C-alpha atoms as a PDB file:
ATOM      1  CA  ALA A   1     161.687  42.800 -80.400  1.00  0.00           C
ATOM      2  CA  TRP A   2     159.299  40.390 -82.669  1.00  0.00           C
ATOM      3  CA  VAL A   3     157.207  38.514 -80.269  1.00  0.00           C
ATOM      4  CA  ASN A   4     155.777  35.354 -82.179  1.00  0.00           C
ATOM      5  CA  PRO A   5     152.279  34.676 -80.280  1.00  0.00           C
ATOM      6  CA  LEU A   6     152.536  30.890 -81.259  1.00  0.00           C
ATOM      7  CA  SER A   7     156.070  30.448 -80.029  1.00  0.00           C
ATOM      8  CA  SER A   8     154.871  28.844 -77.112  1.00  0.00           C
ATOM      9  CA  LEU A   9     153.067  26.119 -79.086  1.00  0.00           C
ATOM     10  CA  TRP A  10     156.796  24.771 -79.853  1.00  0.00           C
ATOM     11  CA  LEU A  11     156.684  23.472 -76.553  1.00  0.00           C
ATOM     12  CA  LEU A  12     154.398  20.780 -77.369  1.00  0.00           C
ATOM     13  CA  ARG A  13     157.472  18.929 -79.223  1.00  0.00           C
ATOM     14  CA  SER A  14     157.820  17.216 -76.022  1.00  0.00           C
ATOM     15  CA  PRO A  15     155.684  14.222 -76.068  1.00  0.00           C
ATOM     16  CA  ASN A  16     154.913  14.125 -72.657  1.00  0.00           C
ATOM     17  CA  LEU A  17     153.635  17.761 -72.907  1.00  0.00           C
ATOM     18  CA  LEU A  18     151.706  17.067 -76.269  1.00  0.00           C
ATOM     19  CA  ALA A  19     149.958  13.915 -74.555  1.00  0.00           C
ATOM     20  CA  THR A  20     149.011  15.695 -71.551  1.00  0.00           C
ATOM     21  CA  THR A  21     147.302  18.599 -73.410  1.00  0.00           C
ATOM     22  CA  LEU A  22     145.644  16.209 -75.833  1.00  0.00           C
ATOM     23  CA  ALA A  23     144.247  14.065 -73.256  1.00  0.00           C
ATOM     24  CA  ALA A  24     143.022  17.413 -71.100  1.00  0.00           C
ATOM     25  CA  GLY A  25     141.355  18.719 -74.624  1.00  0.00           C
ATOM     26  CA  LEU A  26     139.745  15.310 -75.351  1.00  0.00           C
ATOM     27  CA  VAL A  27     138.353  14.873 -71.174  1.00  0.00           C
ATOM     28  CA  ILE A  28     137.165  18.574 -71.335  1.00  0.00           C
ATOM     29  CA  VAL A  29     135.109  18.213 -74.268  1.00  0.00           C
ATOM     30  CA  SER A  30     132.618  16.129 -72.573  1.00  0.00           C
ATOM     31  CA  ASP A  31     131.875  18.968 -70.681  1.00  0.00           C
ATOM     32  CA  TYR A  32     130.929  21.264 -73.591  1.00  0.00           C
ATOM     33  CA  ILE A  33     129.254  18.647 -75.416  1.00  0.00           C
ATOM     34  CA  LEU A  34     126.642  18.477 -72.310  1.00  0.00           C
ATOM     35  CA  LEU A  35     126.330  22.100 -71.832  1.00  0.00           C
ATOM     36  CA  VAL A  36     126.737  23.855 -75.497  1.00  0.00           C
ATOM     37  CA  PRO A  37     123.251  22.163 -76.678  1.00  0.00           C
ATOM     38  CA  ILE A  38     121.392  21.870 -73.678  1.00  0.00           C
ATOM     39  CA  ALA A  39     117.914  23.584 -74.461  1.00  0.00           C
ATOM     40  CA  TYR A  40     118.101  21.458 -77.656  1.00  0.00           C
ATOM     41  CA  THR A  41     118.826  18.567 -75.071  1.00  0.00           C
ATOM     42  CA  ILE A  42     117.811  18.502 -71.833  1.00  0.00           C
ATOM     43  CA  GLY A  43     115.193  21.861 -73.058  1.00  0.00           C
ATOM     44  CA  VAL A  44     113.408  19.633 -75.552  1.00  0.00           C
ATOM     45  CA  ARG A  45     113.503  16.599 -73.960  1.00  0.00           C
ATOM     46  CA  TYR A  46     111.937  18.310 -70.580  1.00  0.00           C
ATOM     47  CA  GLY A  47     109.723  20.710 -72.201  1.00  0.00           C
ATOM     48  CA  ILE A  48     111.712  23.981 -70.797  1.00  0.00           C
ATOM     49  CA  THR A  49     110.941  26.555 -72.856  1.00  0.00           C
ATOM     50  CA  ASN A  50     111.858  29.317 -70.647  1.00  0.00           C
ATOM     51  CA  GLU A  51     115.633  30.969 -70.854  1.00  0.00           C
ATOM     52  CA  ALA A  52     116.119  31.667 -67.333  1.00  0.00           C
ATOM     53  CA  VAL A  53     115.368  28.076 -66.407  1.00  0.00           C
ATOM     54  CA  ILE A  54     117.721  26.707 -69.342  1.00  0.00           C
ATOM     55  CA  GLY A  55     120.064  28.921 -67.769  1.00  0.00           C
ATOM     56  CA  ALA A  56     119.471  27.788 -64.263  1.00  0.00           C
ATOM     57  CA  CYS A  57     120.422  24.236 -65.159  1.00  0.00           C
ATOM     58  CA  PHE A  58     124.504  24.974 -65.561  1.00  0.00           C
ATOM     59  CA  LEU A  59     124.184  25.702 -61.810  1.00  0.00           C
ATOM     60  CA  PRO A  60     125.040  22.193 -60.946  1.00  0.00           C
ATOM     61  CA  THR A  61     128.331  22.657 -63.355  1.00  0.00           C
ATOM     62  CA  GLY A  62     129.379  26.121 -61.754  1.00  0.00           C
ATOM     63  CA  LEU A  63     128.824  24.212 -58.276  1.00  0.00           C
ATOM     64  CA  GLY A  64     130.661  21.195 -59.642  1.00  0.00           C
ATOM     65  CA  ASN A  65     133.765  24.078 -60.288  1.00  0.00           C
ATOM     66  CA  ILE A  66     133.063  25.407 -56.986  1.00  0.00           C
ATOM     67  CA  ILE A  67     133.535  21.504 -54.833  1.00  0.00           C
ATOM     68  CA  GLY A  68     136.252  20.181 -57.748  1.00  0.00           C
ATOM     69  CA  ALA A  69     138.853  22.787 -58.322  1.00  0.00           C
ATOM     70  CA  PRO A  70     139.896  23.299 -54.641  1.00  0.00           C
ATOM     71  CA  VAL A  71     139.374  18.952 -54.291  1.00  0.00           C
ATOM     72  CA  SER A  72     140.917  18.263 -57.503  1.00  0.00           C
ATOM     73  CA  GLY A  73     144.715  20.445 -56.292  1.00  0.00           C
ATOM     74  CA  ARG A  74     144.477  18.817 -53.062  1.00  0.00           C
ATOM     75  CA  LEU A  75     144.302  15.186 -54.220  1.00  0.00           C
ATOM     76  CA  SER A  76     147.424  15.510 -56.413  1.00  0.00           C
ATOM     77  CA  ASP A  77     149.128  17.180 -53.929  1.00  0.00           C
ATOM     78  CA  ILE A  78     148.251  14.046 -51.784  1.00  0.00           C
ATOM     79  CA  VAL A  79     149.282  11.859 -54.151  1.00  0.00           C
ATOM     80  CA  VAL A  80     152.618  13.469 -54.584  1.00  0.00           C
ATOM     81  CA  ARG A  81     153.163  13.126 -51.037  1.00  0.00           C
ATOM     82  CA  LYS A  82     151.932   9.800 -50.513  1.00  0.00           C
ATOM     83  CA  LEU A  83     154.426   8.693 -53.154  1.00  0.00           C
ATOM     84  CA  ARG A  84     157.308  10.839 -52.390  1.00  0.00           C
ATOM     85  CA  VAL A  85     157.261   9.118 -49.165  1.00  0.00           C
ATOM     86  CA  ARG A  86     157.031   5.847 -50.693  1.00  0.00           C
ATOM     87  CA  ARG A  87     160.511   6.203 -52.659  1.00  0.00           C
ATOM     88  CA  LYS A  88     162.008   7.780 -49.370  1.00  0.00           C
ATOM     89  CA  GLY A  89     161.944  11.408 -50.910  1.00  0.00           C
ATOM     90  CA  VAL A  90     162.372  10.235 -55.188  1.00  0.00           C
ATOM     91  CA  TRP A  91     159.776  12.661 -56.675  1.00  0.00           C
ATOM     92  CA  TYR A  92     158.608  12.178 -60.489  1.00  0.00           C
ATOM     93  CA  PRO A  93     156.160  14.712 -61.853  1.00  0.00           C
ATOM     94  CA  GLU A  94     153.996  12.090 -63.184  1.00  0.00           C
ATOM     95  CA  ASP A  95     153.109  10.930 -59.480  1.00  0.00           C
ATOM     96  CA  ARG A  96     150.881  14.118 -60.041  1.00  0.00           C
ATOM     97  CA  LEU A  97     148.807  12.425 -62.857  1.00  0.00           C
ATOM     98  CA  ARG A  98     148.084   9.451 -60.900  1.00  0.00           C
ATOM     99  CA  ALA A  99     145.292  11.508 -59.382  1.00  0.00           C
ATOM    100  CA  THR A 100     143.192  12.054 -62.614  1.00  0.00           C
ATOM    101  CA  TRP A 101     142.290   8.108 -62.639  1.00  0.00           C
ATOM    102  CA  ILE A 102     138.925   8.608 -60.425  1.00  0.00           C
ATOM    103  CA  GLY A 103     137.569  11.468 -62.863  1.00  0.00           C
ATOM    104  CA  GLY A 104     138.842  10.043 -66.017  1.00  0.00           C
ATOM    105  CA  LEU A 105     138.287   6.830 -66.091  1.00  0.00           C
ATOM    106  CA  PHE A 106     134.974   7.081 -64.076  1.00  0.00           C
ATOM    107  CA  MET A 107     133.536  10.436 -63.253  1.00  0.00           C
ATOM    108  CA  VAL A 108     133.664  11.673 -66.860  1.00  0.00           C
ATOM    109  CA  PRO A 109     132.912   8.762 -69.209  1.00  0.00           C
ATOM    110  CA  LEU A 110     130.027   7.448 -66.637  1.00  0.00           C
ATOM    111  CA  SER A 111     128.564  10.811 -66.287  1.00  0.00           C
ATOM    112  CA  ILE A 112     128.100  11.748 -70.086  1.00  0.00           C
ATOM    113  CA  MET A 113     127.129   8.153 -70.965  1.00  0.00           C
ATOM    114  CA  THR A 114     124.632   8.445 -68.208  1.00  0.00           C
ATOM    115  CA  SER A 115     123.293  11.868 -69.177  1.00  0.00           C
ATOM    116  CA  GLY A 116     122.571  10.875 -73.119  1.00  0.00           C
ATOM    117  CA  LEU A 117     120.675   7.353 -71.974  1.00  0.00           C
ATOM    118  CA  VAL A 118     118.578   9.313 -69.505  1.00  0.00           C
ATOM    119  CA  ILE A 119     117.891  11.679 -72.040  1.00  0.00           C
ATOM    120  CA  THR A 120     116.765   9.162 -74.605  1.00  0.00           C
ATOM    121  CA  TYR A 121     114.660   6.950 -72.545  1.00  0.00           C
ATOM    122  CA  VAL A 122     113.764   8.449 -68.730  1.00  0.00           C
ATOM    123  CA  GLY A 123     111.561  11.713 -68.794  1.00  0.00           C
ATOM    124  CA  GLY A 124     109.653  13.695 -66.540  1.00  0.00           C
ATOM    125  CA  LEU A 125     111.120  14.748 -63.115  1.00  0.00           C
ATOM    126  CA  ILE A 126     113.648  12.394 -62.619  1.00  0.00           C
ATOM    127  CA  GLY A 127     115.010  12.391 -66.078  1.00  0.00           C
ATOM    128  CA  LEU A 128     115.692  15.972 -65.335  1.00  0.00           C
ATOM    129  CA  SER A 129     116.973  15.742 -62.075  1.00  0.00           C
ATOM    130  CA  LEU A 130     119.323  12.666 -62.936  1.00  0.00           C
ATOM    131  CA  ASN A 131     120.621  15.006 -65.928  1.00  0.00           C
ATOM    132  CA  LEU A 132     121.455  18.073 -63.266  1.00  0.00           C
ATOM    133  CA  LEU A 133     123.472  15.559 -61.653  1.00  0.00           C
ATOM    134  CA  CYS A 134     125.388  14.214 -63.929  1.00  0.00           C
ATOM    135  CA  LEU A 135     126.092  18.002 -65.128  1.00  0.00           C
ATOM    136  CA  PHE A 136     127.362  18.235 -61.395  1.00  0.00           C
ATOM    137  CA  ILE A 137     129.928  14.857 -61.619  1.00  0.00           C
ATOM    138  CA  ASN A 138     130.730  15.761 -64.869  1.00  0.00           C
ATOM    139  CA  ARG A 139     132.311  19.010 -63.962  1.00  0.00           C
ATOM    140  CA  ILE A 140     134.044  17.633 -60.958  1.00  0.00           C
ATOM    141  CA  GLY A 141     135.510  14.353 -63.037  1.00  0.00           C
ATOM    142  CA  VAL A 142     136.881  16.871 -65.591  1.00  0.00           C
ATOM    143  CA  LEU A 143     138.389  19.109 -63.268  1.00  0.00           C
ATOM    144  CA  PHE A 144     140.350  16.058 -61.234  1.00  0.00           C
ATOM    145  CA  VAL A 145     141.510  15.174 -64.672  1.00  0.00           C
ATOM    146  CA  ILE A 146     142.666  19.130 -66.084  1.00  0.00           C
ATOM    147  CA  SER A 147     143.701  20.570 -62.741  1.00  0.00           C
ATOM    148  CA  PRO A 148     146.707  17.880 -62.514  1.00  0.00           C
ATOM    149  CA  ILE A 149     147.645  18.044 -65.986  1.00  0.00           C
ATOM    150  CA  GLY A 150     147.883  21.772 -65.652  1.00  0.00           C
ATOM    151  CA  SER A 151     150.273  21.285 -62.561  1.00  0.00           C
ATOM    152  CA  TYR A 152     152.280  18.512 -64.334  1.00  0.00           C
ATOM    153  CA  ASN A 153     152.912  20.547 -66.810  1.00  0.00           C
ATOM    154  CA  VAL A 154     154.270  23.449 -64.826  1.00  0.00           C
ATOM    155  CA  ASP A 155     156.281  20.805 -63.055  1.00  0.00           C
ATOM    156  CA  VAL A 156     157.604  19.412 -66.151  1.00  0.00           C
ATOM    157  CA  ALA A 157     158.394  23.140 -67.926  1.00  0.00           C
ATOM    158  CA  HIS A 158     158.948  24.920 -64.454  1.00  0.00           C
ATOM    159  CA  SER A 159     161.459  27.302 -66.283  1.00  0.00           C
ATOM    160  CA  ARG A 160     158.656  28.340 -69.172  1.00  0.00           C
ATOM    161  CA  SER A 161     155.518  27.692 -67.032  1.00  0.00           C
ATOM    162  CA  ALA A 162     153.956  30.726 -68.406  1.00  0.00           C
ATOM    163  CA  GLU A 163     154.302  29.608 -71.887  1.00  0.00           C
ATOM    164  CA  ILE A 164     153.322  25.974 -71.329  1.00  0.00           C
ATOM    165  CA  THR A 165     150.183  27.373 -69.720  1.00  0.00           C
ATOM    166  CA  ALA A 166     149.175  29.429 -72.677  1.00  0.00           C
ATOM    167  CA  ALA A 167     150.318  26.036 -75.122  1.00  0.00           C
ATOM    168  CA  TYR A 168     148.144  24.217 -72.795  1.00  0.00           C
ATOM    169  CA  ALA A 169     145.132  26.828 -73.139  1.00  0.00           C
ATOM    170  CA  ALA A 170     145.388  27.200 -76.804  1.00  0.00           C
ATOM    171  CA  THR A 171     145.141  23.936 -77.252  1.00  0.00           C
ATOM    172  CA  ARG A 172     142.158  22.409 -75.463  1.00  0.00           C
ATOM    173  CA  SER A 173     140.221  25.454 -77.077  1.00  0.00           C
ATOM    174  CA  VAL A 174     140.770  24.692 -80.379  1.00  0.00           C
ATOM    175  CA  ILE A 175     139.727  20.808 -79.495  1.00  0.00           C
ATOM    176  CA  VAL A 176     136.741  22.403 -77.842  1.00  0.00           C
ATOM    177  CA  SER A 177     135.749  24.625 -80.475  1.00  0.00           C
ATOM    178  CA  ALA A 178     135.951  21.902 -83.285  1.00  0.00           C
ATOM    179  CA  ALA A 179     133.583  19.683 -80.730  1.00  0.00           C
ATOM    180  CA  THR A 180     131.088  22.694 -80.314  1.00  0.00           C
ATOM    181  CA  ALA A 181     130.886  23.253 -84.083  1.00  0.00           C
ATOM    182  CA  LEU A 182     130.343  19.428 -84.398  1.00  0.00           C
ATOM    183  CA  VAL A 183     127.976  18.394 -81.277  1.00  0.00           C
ATOM    184  CA  ILE A 184     124.519  20.180 -82.814  1.00  0.00           C
ATOM    185  CA  PRO A 185     125.013  17.706 -86.308  1.00  0.00           C
ATOM    186  CA  SER A 186     126.280  15.021 -84.401  1.00  0.00           C
ATOM    187  CA  ILE A 187     122.584  15.147 -82.159  1.00  0.00           C
ATOM    188  CA  GLU A 188     120.954  15.748 -85.181  1.00  0.00           C
ATOM    189  CA  ARG A 189     122.233  12.963 -87.309  1.00  0.00           C
ATOM    190  CA  ILE A 190     122.708  10.001 -85.021  1.00  0.00           C
ATOM    191  CA  GLY A 191     120.949  11.183 -81.666  1.00  0.00           C
ATOM    192  CA  VAL A 192     121.991  12.609 -78.274  1.00  0.00           C
ATOM    193  CA  ALA A 193     122.571   9.160 -76.330  1.00  0.00           C
ATOM    194  CA  TRP A 194     125.330   7.853 -79.402  1.00  0.00           C
ATOM    195  CA  THR A 195     126.924  11.757 -79.368  1.00  0.00           C
ATOM    196  CA  ASP A 196     127.467  11.525 -75.658  1.00  0.00           C
ATOM    197  CA  ILE A 197     128.671   7.841 -75.808  1.00  0.00           C
ATOM    198  CA  ILE A 198     131.495   9.006 -78.241  1.00  0.00           C
ATOM    199  CA  ALA A 199     132.336  12.253 -76.133  1.00  0.00           C
ATOM    200  CA  ALA A 200     132.441   9.127 -73.542  1.00  0.00           C
ATOM    201  CA  VAL A 201     134.761   7.070 -75.671  1.00  0.00           C
ATOM    202  CA  LEU A 202     136.993  10.387 -76.279  1.00  0.00           C
ATOM    203  CA  ALA A 203     137.350  11.016 -72.950  1.00  0.00           C
ATOM    204  CA  LEU A 204     138.998   7.735 -72.030  1.00  0.00           C
ATOM    205  CA  VAL A 205     141.320   7.984 -75.361  1.00  0.00           C
ATOM    206  CA  GLY A 206     142.599  10.684 -73.367  1.00  0.00           C
ATOM    207  CA  GLN A 207     142.942   8.577 -70.217  1.00  0.00           C
ATOM    208  CA  GLY A 208     145.027   6.329 -72.147  1.00  0.00           C
ATOM    209  CA  LEU A 209     147.329   9.050 -73.325  1.00  0.00           C
ATOM    210  CA  ILE A 210     147.533   9.919 -69.337  1.00  0.00           C
ATOM    211  CA  PHE A 211     148.380   6.150 -68.355  1.00  0.00           C
ATOM    212  CA  LEU A 212     151.361   6.207 -71.458  1.00  0.00           C
ATOM    213  CA  THR A 213     152.798   9.198 -69.764  1.00  0.00           C
ATOM    214  CA  ILE A 214     152.504   8.192 -66.271  1.00  0.00           C
ATOM    215  CA  ARG A 215     154.448   4.626 -67.565  1.00  0.00           C
ATOM    216  CA  TYR A 216     157.038   6.583 -70.001  1.00  0.00           C
ATOM    217  CA  GLY A 217     157.197   9.828 -68.978  1.00  0.00           C
ATOM    218  CA  ASP A 218     160.676  10.157 -68.009  1.00  0.00           C
ATOM    219  CA  ARG A 219     161.842   8.547 -71.224  1.00  0.00           C
ATOM    220  CA  MET A 220     159.589  10.863 -73.297  1.00  0.00           C
ATOM    221  CA  ARG A 221     161.007  13.831 -70.791  1.00  0.00           C
ATOM    222  CA  ALA A 222     164.114  12.748 -71.772  1.00  0.00           C
ATOM    223  CA  SER A 223     163.684  12.406 -75.445  1.00  0.00           C
ATOM    224  CA  VAL A 224     163.181  15.711 -76.630  1.00  0.00           C
ATOM    225  CA  ASP A 225     165.568  18.858 -75.608  1.00  0.00           C
ATOM    226  CA  VAL A 226     162.745  21.875 -75.475  1.00  0.00           C
ATOM    227  CA  GLY A 227     164.789  23.938 -73.516  1.00  0.00           C
ATOM    228  CA  PHE A 228     163.268  23.683 -70.095  1.00  0.00           C
END
């Protein structure tokens, strides 16, 4: 049998799955904009030339992963259970997306904007420490968004969960690869602060897509038959 490796992308005909997948990509861009050019941003600004020390600056992001992954999953489950009880047993898949607000509206945009401004205007150990804190908060915030979205996509396309997970990961990767290619030219042209501010705005646009999915998700799910 002929297997088309791109067939799973056809699931993104569903407006709600497309919206949440794009939102996840726009949010996770902030993570890579902070990490990919770290030697050119934190390293240059704070005089770090040792590769091992530069590598150690990734540790706050790893710690954010360790903490954020289980907390984000539990938070989304709590939100779903509370809303189901409030509606006396009625459940909507979009309930899970409500767990993204704290990460998508506050933690992600504020952490990346703060990092850009601190790199630009705050030197010394204080500036470095604040940037490491931003890396930690940003990663937790990103997980607070992408984890509920991943679970939501599986809830909606339960019978084709492996395919939607593949489409979700592939689309995120395409968005991230484009951002990664543009981040260094952007920093050289408009500076770290403005580059990070643009990334924060993109994250807020992603959260706007999530808001629309929460509000109109039932109609969006009914608008296209993708064979779930």
